[in-house]
Amino acid sequence: MKIKVEGEKIIKAVKKLDGIEIVLENLEDAKEAINLILHRTGLFERHKDAELGDVKVTSFQRYETTAVDYKMIFLLEFLFDADIALDDKVTVIKELQEFFNKV
């Protein structure tokens, strides 16, 4: 399962959790920030039974009106063990999305 998150939301989340304003220049920056968010929010610990192995991060740019007016969008792919129930997967993903919506 995948969700998309705007780069600005990731920046705001790290600022809220750790009080630092990061810069997302590339995919590696985003991966570090997402891992930080997952650990600081306790998402991994609260959902150990869901066997969330990893979160794969990829990126693309969404152009709003012109080639210079764009937003960085990051796709988060949640890698669960094969035998995890769909409801458990949805619970984990929904919790992370709700966190980003509050930021």
C-alpha atoms as a PDB file:
ATOM      1  CA  MET A   1       0.000   0.000   0.000  1.00  0.00           C
ATOM      2  CA  LYS A   2       1.211   3.491  -0.797  1.00  0.00           C
ATOM      3  CA  ILE A   3       0.342   7.017   0.265  1.00  0.00           C
ATOM      4  CA  LYS A   4       1.619  10.356  -0.951  1.00  0.00           C
ATOM      5  CA  VAL A   5       2.892  13.136   1.292  1.00  0.00           C
ATOM      6  CA  GLU A   6       3.951  16.634   0.269  1.00  0.00           C
ATOM      7  CA  GLY A   7       7.479  17.614   1.181  1.00  0.00           C
ATOM      8  CA  GLU A   8       6.182  20.578   3.191  1.00  0.00           C
ATOM      9  CA  LYS A   9       4.196  18.245   5.452  1.00  0.00           C
ATOM     10  CA  ILE A  10       7.335  16.235   6.183  1.00  0.00           C
ATOM     11  CA  ILE A  11       9.249  19.419   6.997  1.00  0.00           C
ATOM     12  CA  LYS A  12       6.472  20.614   9.319  1.00  0.00           C
ATOM     13  CA  ALA A  13       6.271  17.231  11.037  1.00  0.00           C
ATOM     14  CA  VAL A  14       9.987  17.187  11.859  1.00  0.00           C
ATOM     15  CA  LYS A  15       9.738  20.782  13.098  1.00  0.00           C
ATOM     16  CA  LYS A  16       6.825  19.803  15.364  1.00  0.00           C
ATOM     17  CA  LEU A  17       8.511  16.667  16.709  1.00  0.00           C
ATOM     18  CA  ASP A  18      12.107  17.851  17.123  1.00  0.00           C
ATOM     19  CA  GLY A  19      12.001  21.622  16.784  1.00  0.00           C
ATOM     20  CA  ILE A  20      14.351  21.707  13.792  1.00  0.00           C
ATOM     21  CA  GLU A  21      13.581  22.971  10.313  1.00  0.00           C
ATOM     22  CA  ILE A  22      15.016  20.538   7.802  1.00  0.00           C
ATOM     23  CA  VAL A  23      15.574  20.951   4.074  1.00  0.00           C
ATOM     24  CA  LEU A  24      14.496  18.189   1.725  1.00  0.00           C
ATOM     25  CA  GLU A  25      16.935  18.428  -1.156  1.00  0.00           C
ATOM     26  CA  ASN A  26      16.776  14.827  -2.265  1.00  0.00           C
ATOM     27  CA  LEU A  27      15.321  11.403  -1.678  1.00  0.00           C
ATOM     28  CA  GLU A  28      17.833  10.518   1.039  1.00  0.00           C
ATOM     29  CA  ASP A  29      16.793  13.566   3.069  1.00  0.00           C
ATOM     30  CA  ALA A  30      13.170  12.444   2.829  1.00  0.00           C
ATOM     31  CA  LYS A  31      13.997   8.858   3.859  1.00  0.00           C
ATOM     32  CA  GLU A  32      15.829  10.078   6.956  1.00  0.00           C
ATOM     33  CA  ALA A  33      12.980  12.418   7.865  1.00  0.00           C
ATOM     34  CA  ILE A  34      10.317   9.710   7.435  1.00  0.00           C
ATOM     35  CA  ASN A  35      12.303   7.289   9.602  1.00  0.00           C
ATOM     36  CA  LEU A  36      12.674   9.985  12.243  1.00  0.00           C
ATOM     37  CA  ILE A  37       8.928  10.682  12.157  1.00  0.00           C
ATOM     38  CA  LEU A  38       8.042   6.981  12.404  1.00  0.00           C
ATOM     39  CA  HIS A  39      10.271   6.489  15.437  1.00  0.00           C
ATOM     40  CA  ARG A  40       9.399   9.766  17.202  1.00  0.00           C
ATOM     41  CA  THR A  41       5.665   9.182  16.857  1.00  0.00           C
ATOM     42  CA  GLY A  42       6.046   5.625  18.149  1.00  0.00           C
ATOM     43  CA  LEU A  43       4.247   4.164  15.142  1.00  0.00           C
ATOM     44  CA  PHE A  44       6.647   1.232  14.842  1.00  0.00           C
ATOM     45  CA  GLU A  45       6.371   0.363  18.525  1.00  0.00           C
ATOM     46  CA  ARG A  46       2.575   0.662  18.749  1.00  0.00           C
ATOM     47  CA  HIS A  47       2.019  -1.599  15.757  1.00  0.00           C
ATOM     48  CA  LYS A  48       4.577  -4.345  16.245  1.00  0.00           C
ATOM     49  CA  ASP A  49       1.809  -6.905  15.654  1.00  0.00           C
ATOM     50  CA  ALA A  50       1.315  -5.506  12.140  1.00  0.00           C
ATOM     51  CA  GLU A  51       4.905  -6.515  11.297  1.00  0.00           C
ATOM     52  CA  LEU A  52       5.701  -3.298   9.445  1.00  0.00           C
ATOM     53  CA  GLY A  53       9.081  -4.160   8.024  1.00  0.00           C
ATOM     54  CA  ASP A  54      10.019  -0.950   6.278  1.00  0.00           C
ATOM     55  CA  VAL A  55       8.736   2.070   4.447  1.00  0.00           C
ATOM     56  CA  LYS A  56      10.067   2.591   0.927  1.00  0.00           C
ATOM     57  CA  VAL A  57      10.258   6.265  -0.100  1.00  0.00           C
ATOM     58  CA  THR A  58      10.222   7.519  -3.694  1.00  0.00           C
ATOM     59  CA  SER A  59       9.645  11.004  -5.036  1.00  0.00           C
ATOM     60  CA  PHE A  60       8.227  12.973  -7.925  1.00  0.00           C
ATOM     61  CA  GLN A  61       7.430  16.589  -8.683  1.00  0.00           C
ATOM     62  CA  ARG A  62       3.908  17.888  -9.225  1.00  0.00           C
ATOM     63  CA  TYR A  63       3.774  21.013 -11.343  1.00  0.00           C
ATOM     64  CA  GLU A  64       1.078  23.419 -10.232  1.00  0.00           C
ATOM     65  CA  THR A  65       0.950  26.007 -13.013  1.00  0.00           C
ATOM     66  CA  THR A  66       4.401  26.324 -14.605  1.00  0.00           C
ATOM     67  CA  ALA A  67       7.711  24.496 -14.769  1.00  0.00           C
ATOM     68  CA  VAL A  68       9.013  26.611 -11.892  1.00  0.00           C
ATOM     69  CA  ASP A  69       5.954  26.250  -9.667  1.00  0.00           C
ATOM     70  CA  TYR A  70       6.115  22.702  -8.354  1.00  0.00           C
ATOM     71  CA  LYS A  71       5.796  20.684  -5.168  1.00  0.00           C
ATOM     72  CA  MET A  72       7.911  17.739  -4.123  1.00  0.00           C
ATOM     73  CA  ILE A  73       5.695  14.745  -3.458  1.00  0.00           C
ATOM     74  CA  PHE A  74       6.953  11.642  -1.709  1.00  0.00           C
ATOM     75  CA  LEU A  75       5.369   8.232  -2.078  1.00  0.00           C
ATOM     76  CA  LEU A  76       5.565   6.072   1.009  1.00  0.00           C
ATOM     77  CA  GLU A  77       5.207   2.373   0.301  1.00  0.00           C
ATOM     78  CA  PHE A  78       4.542   0.320   3.411  1.00  0.00           C
ATOM     79  CA  LEU A  79       6.188  -3.102   3.351  1.00  0.00           C
ATOM     80  CA  PHE A  80       4.345  -5.527   5.631  1.00  0.00           C
ATOM     81  CA  ASP A  81       4.847  -9.233   6.152  1.00  0.00           C
ATOM     82  CA  ALA A  82       2.760 -11.271   3.718  1.00  0.00           C
ATOM     83  CA  ASP A  83       0.386 -12.750   6.309  1.00  0.00           C
ATOM     84  CA  ILE A  84      -0.713  -9.460   7.906  1.00  0.00           C
ATOM     85  CA  ALA A  85      -4.441  -8.736   7.757  1.00  0.00           C
ATOM     86  CA  LEU A  86      -5.593  -5.875   5.560  1.00  0.00           C
ATOM     87  CA  ASP A  87      -7.303  -4.178   8.519  1.00  0.00           C
ATOM     88  CA  ASP A  88      -4.002  -4.062  10.422  1.00  0.00           C
ATOM     89  CA  LYS A  89      -2.263  -2.513   7.419  1.00  0.00           C
ATOM     90  CA  VAL A  90      -4.967   0.113   7.075  1.00  0.00           C
ATOM     91  CA  THR A  91      -4.764   1.000  10.778  1.00  0.00           C
ATOM     92  CA  VAL A  92      -1.038   1.744  10.582  1.00  0.00           C
ATOM     93  CA  ILE A  93      -1.303   3.777   7.390  1.00  0.00           C
ATOM     94  CA  LYS A  94      -4.342   5.688   8.592  1.00  0.00           C
ATOM     95  CA  GLU A  95      -2.576   6.675  11.812  1.00  0.00           C
ATOM     96  CA  LEU A  96       0.380   8.094   9.892  1.00  0.00           C
ATOM     97  CA  GLN A  97      -1.886   9.960   7.459  1.00  0.00           C
ATOM     98  CA  GLU A  98      -3.851  11.470  10.350  1.00  0.00           C
ATOM     99  CA  PHE A  99      -0.593  12.647  11.902  1.00  0.00           C
ATOM    100  CA  PHE A 100       0.403  14.388   8.657  1.00  0.00           C
ATOM    101  CA  ASN A 101      -3.061  15.949   8.324  1.00  0.00           C
ATOM    102  CA  LYS A 102      -2.737  17.492  11.802  1.00  0.00           C
ATOM    103  CA  VAL A 103       0.618  19.090  11.015  1.00  0.00           C
END
